[in-house]
Amino acid sequence: MKLAGLVLAAGAGIRFGQPKALVPFGGEPLVSRALHMLSEAGCAPVVVVIGAAAEKVLAAVDLPHVVVNPDWAQGMGSSLACGLAALPLEVDAVVVALADQPLVGKDSVVRLAAAGRHGAVAAVATYDGQPRNPVLLARSVWLAVTNSLAGDVGAGPWLRAHPEQVTLVNCDGTGSPYDIDTPDDLLTATKMED
C-alpha cells in the first residue's frame, strides 16, 4: 500500500490571532512538526495544504510537496479537497493530519496504516474512545468524501454518515489530539509536552 500524508495548514487562525502554520512549538513551526510526524511514520509523499499567509509560509519553511488552496477562506473542507486532488496517482491511501494538533504521535499514524493494510477504507484514530484525528482515507472513498465537503469541516460528516465503512483505531498512549486554537491552548500544549 502506497501511503501518503496530508497536512491541512491553510487556515487564518482567527481565534489564535494569526495563521497557526508558523507558530513555533517544540523548536519548529507547527506545520513542520506535522510534516515530520507523518514522514517519520512512513508517509510519502507528505503534501502540505497552505492558504492564509501562503507567501510567509513558503518563505519560512522548506515544504517539499506543497499546494496552495486559493479558496482557503471557505474552510477546511476546501483544503481537504485541494489536498486530495494534489496527491499522485500511485497513492493508495492518505493519512490526514491537522497542523494545529502538535501532540499527535507518529504511532497513531502507524496504527492507522496497519488498519489500511488490513483493508480499512477509512480509519479514524480514537482517544479515550472518542474519534479524533488523524484519519486514513483509501483512494476508493476520496470522491465520495470530496463530494460531501462543505464549509469549515473535513471528512467528519462523511465518516459519520458511513459508519459501516469506518474502522476505529485505538490510539491511546500514542499522543494527544489536543487542538491549539488560542494562545492559551499553546501554553497548555507546551506544558502537556514537558
Protein backbone atom coordinates (compact mmCIF):
# COMPACT_ATOMS: atom_id res chain seq x y z
CA MET A 1 0.00 0.00 0.00
CA LYS A 2 1.41 3.35 -1.07
CA LEU A 3 0.56 5.68 1.82
CA ALA A 4 0.79 9.46 1.57
CA GLY A 5 0.38 12.10 4.22
CA LEU A 6 -1.66 15.27 4.03
CA VAL A 7 -1.25 18.22 6.39
CA LEU A 8 -4.03 20.80 6.47
CA ALA A 9 -2.44 24.13 7.39
CA ALA A 10 -4.32 26.73 5.36
CA GLY A 11 -6.45 28.49 7.97
CA ALA A 12 -6.20 32.10 9.10
CA GLY A 13 -6.12 31.21 12.81
CA ILE A 14 -8.72 33.84 13.70
CA ARG A 15 -9.06 32.74 17.34
CA PHE A 16 -5.30 32.49 17.66
CA GLY A 17 -4.76 35.95 16.19
CA GLN A 18 -2.60 34.79 13.26
CA PRO A 19 -2.25 31.81 10.90
CA LYS A 20 -1.06 28.89 13.02
CA ALA A 21 1.17 27.20 10.42
CA LEU A 22 4.22 29.21 11.52
CA VAL A 23 3.52 29.28 15.26
CA PRO A 24 6.57 27.77 16.98
CA PHE A 25 6.13 24.63 19.06
CA GLY A 26 8.90 22.45 20.40
CA GLY A 27 11.50 24.36 18.40
CA GLU A 28 9.80 24.24 15.00
CA PRO A 29 6.73 25.70 13.27
CA LEU A 30 3.51 23.72 13.73
CA VAL A 31 3.37 22.94 10.01
CA SER A 32 6.88 21.45 10.07
CA ARG A 33 6.09 19.37 13.12
CA ALA A 34 3.06 17.81 11.42
CA LEU A 35 5.06 17.18 8.24
CA HIS A 36 7.86 15.45 10.17
CA MET A 37 5.42 13.37 12.21
CA LEU A 38 3.80 11.95 9.06
CA SER A 39 7.17 11.41 7.35
CA GLU A 40 8.61 9.60 10.37
CA ALA A 41 5.56 7.31 10.36
CA GLY A 42 6.31 6.25 6.78
CA CYS A 43 4.04 8.51 4.73
CA ALA A 44 5.49 9.58 1.38
CA PRO A 45 4.94 11.99 -0.11
CA VAL A 46 3.59 14.33 2.54
CA VAL A 47 1.61 17.11 0.90
CA VAL A 48 1.00 20.30 2.87
CA VAL A 49 -2.00 22.49 2.03
CA ILE A 50 -1.48 26.15 2.84
CA GLY A 51 -3.58 29.21 2.15
CA ALA A 52 -3.65 32.15 4.56
CA ALA A 53 -0.19 33.72 4.70
CA ALA A 54 0.98 31.31 1.98
CA GLU A 55 3.87 33.54 0.92
CA LYS A 56 5.17 33.80 4.50
CA VAL A 57 4.90 30.05 4.99
CA LEU A 58 6.73 29.32 1.73
CA ALA A 59 9.45 31.80 2.63
CA ALA A 60 9.93 30.45 6.16
CA VAL A 61 9.59 26.68 5.85
CA ASP A 62 11.01 24.11 3.46
CA LEU A 63 7.97 22.16 2.28
CA PRO A 64 8.93 19.57 -0.36
CA HIS A 65 5.33 18.97 -1.53
CA VAL A 66 3.02 21.94 -1.10
CA VAL A 67 -0.25 23.06 -2.63
CA VAL A 68 -1.78 26.49 -2.13
CA ASN A 69 -5.55 26.44 -1.65
CA PRO A 70 -6.90 29.58 -3.31
CA ASP A 71 -10.24 29.00 -1.57
CA TRP A 72 -8.80 28.55 1.93
CA ALA A 73 -11.20 31.15 3.36
CA GLN A 74 -14.11 28.78 2.62
CA GLY A 75 -12.81 26.49 5.35
CA MET A 76 -11.17 23.16 5.98
CA GLY A 77 -13.38 21.30 3.51
CA SER A 78 -11.88 23.15 0.56
CA SER A 79 -8.36 22.43 1.84
CA LEU A 80 -9.05 18.72 2.17
CA ALA A 81 -10.49 18.64 -1.37
CA CYS A 82 -7.48 20.58 -2.67
CA GLY A 83 -5.06 18.23 -0.92
CA LEU A 84 -6.73 15.03 -2.10
CA ALA A 85 -6.73 16.32 -5.69
CA ALA A 86 -2.99 17.04 -5.46
CA LEU A 87 -1.92 13.53 -4.43
CA PRO A 88 -0.03 11.42 -7.01
CA LEU A 89 -1.94 8.73 -8.88
CA GLU A 90 0.12 5.90 -7.37
CA VAL A 91 -1.07 6.74 -3.84
CA ASP A 92 -3.48 4.11 -2.45
CA ALA A 93 -4.40 5.87 0.80
CA VAL A 94 -3.65 9.03 2.73
CA VAL A 95 -3.39 9.94 6.39
CA VAL A 96 -4.81 13.40 7.00
CA ALA A 97 -3.42 15.40 9.93
CA LEU A 98 -4.05 18.93 11.17
CA ALA A 99 -1.18 21.34 11.75
CA ASP A 100 -2.71 22.60 14.99
CA GLN A 101 -2.54 19.24 16.79
CA PRO A 102 1.19 19.01 17.56
CA LEU A 103 0.89 16.35 20.27
CA VAL A 104 -0.39 13.68 17.87
CA GLY A 105 2.26 10.99 17.79
CA LYS A 106 3.64 9.10 14.82
CA ASP A 107 2.48 5.82 16.39
CA SER A 108 -1.13 6.84 15.72
CA VAL A 109 -0.29 7.05 12.02
CA VAL A 110 1.47 3.67 12.18
CA ARG A 111 -1.69 2.15 13.67
CA LEU A 112 -3.90 3.76 11.01
CA ALA A 113 -1.56 2.49 8.28
CA ALA A 114 -1.84 -1.04 9.69
CA ALA A 115 -5.63 -0.78 9.51
CA GLY A 116 -5.34 0.35 5.89
CA ARG A 117 -3.11 -2.59 5.03
CA HIS A 118 -5.76 -4.87 6.55
CA GLY A 119 -8.46 -3.49 4.27
CA ALA A 120 -9.89 -0.44 6.04
CA VAL A 121 -11.17 2.14 3.55
CA ALA A 122 -11.49 4.75 6.31
CA ALA A 123 -9.77 4.57 9.67
CA VAL A 124 -10.14 7.09 12.47
CA ALA A 125 -7.86 7.49 15.47
CA THR A 126 -9.69 7.33 18.80
CA TYR A 127 -8.55 8.65 22.15
CA ASP A 128 -10.47 7.62 25.27
CA GLY A 129 -12.98 6.07 22.88
CA GLN A 130 -13.67 9.33 21.02
CA PRO A 131 -12.99 9.65 17.26
CA ARG A 132 -10.49 12.41 16.50
CA ASN A 133 -7.53 12.93 14.16
CA PRO A 134 -5.59 11.76 12.26
CA VAL A 135 -7.74 9.93 9.72
CA LEU A 136 -6.81 7.44 6.98
CA LEU A 137 -8.78 7.53 3.73
CA ALA A 138 -8.33 4.96 0.95
CA ARG A 139 -8.43 6.29 -2.59
CA SER A 140 -11.71 4.42 -3.18
CA VAL A 141 -13.57 6.89 -0.94
CA TRP A 142 -11.85 10.14 -1.93
CA LEU A 143 -14.50 11.16 -4.45
CA ALA A 144 -17.36 10.47 -2.05
CA VAL A 145 -15.56 12.36 0.74
CA THR A 146 -14.80 15.28 -1.59
CA ASN A 147 -18.43 15.45 -2.71
CA SER A 148 -19.52 15.68 0.94
CA LEU A 149 -17.20 18.54 1.88
CA ALA A 150 -18.60 21.94 2.82
CA GLY A 151 -17.50 24.81 4.99
CA ASP A 152 -15.09 24.51 7.86
CA VAL A 153 -15.36 20.77 8.40
CA GLY A 154 -13.32 17.96 6.95
CA ALA A 155 -14.24 14.34 6.38
CA GLY A 156 -16.28 14.11 9.61
CA PRO A 157 -19.76 14.32 8.05
CA TRP A 158 -18.94 11.60 5.51
CA LEU A 159 -17.38 9.40 8.20
CA ARG A 160 -20.44 9.77 10.46
CA ALA A 161 -22.79 9.04 7.55
CA HIS A 162 -20.93 5.82 6.63
CA PRO A 163 -20.08 4.09 9.93
CA GLU A 164 -20.06 0.70 8.21
CA GLN A 165 -17.00 1.82 6.22
CA VAL A 166 -15.11 3.29 9.19
CA THR A 167 -12.59 1.39 11.29
CA LEU A 168 -11.97 2.94 14.70
CA VAL A 169 -8.33 2.62 15.74
CA ASN A 170 -7.44 2.91 19.43
CA CYS A 171 -4.59 5.42 19.69
CA ASP A 172 -4.50 5.79 23.48
CA GLY A 173 -0.91 6.15 24.58
CA THR A 174 0.35 7.43 21.23
CA GLY A 175 -0.04 11.13 21.94
CA SER A 176 -2.90 13.58 22.22
CA PRO A 177 -5.29 15.16 19.68
CA TYR A 178 -5.29 18.41 21.71
CA ASP A 179 -6.06 21.37 19.41
CA ILE A 180 -4.27 24.69 19.55
CA ASP A 181 -6.89 27.30 18.76
CA THR A 182 -5.81 30.15 21.06
CA PRO A 183 -2.56 31.38 22.64
CA ASP A 184 -3.74 29.85 25.94
CA ASP A 185 -4.10 26.49 24.18
CA LEU A 186 -0.49 26.85 23.03
CA LEU A 187 0.65 27.30 26.63
CA THR A 188 -1.38 24.29 27.74
CA ALA A 189 0.02 22.12 24.92
CA THR A 190 3.56 23.18 25.79
CA LYS A 191 3.00 22.12 29.40
CA MET A 192 1.48 18.83 28.24
CA GLU A 193 4.58 18.07 26.18
CA ASP A 194 7.02 18.83 29.01
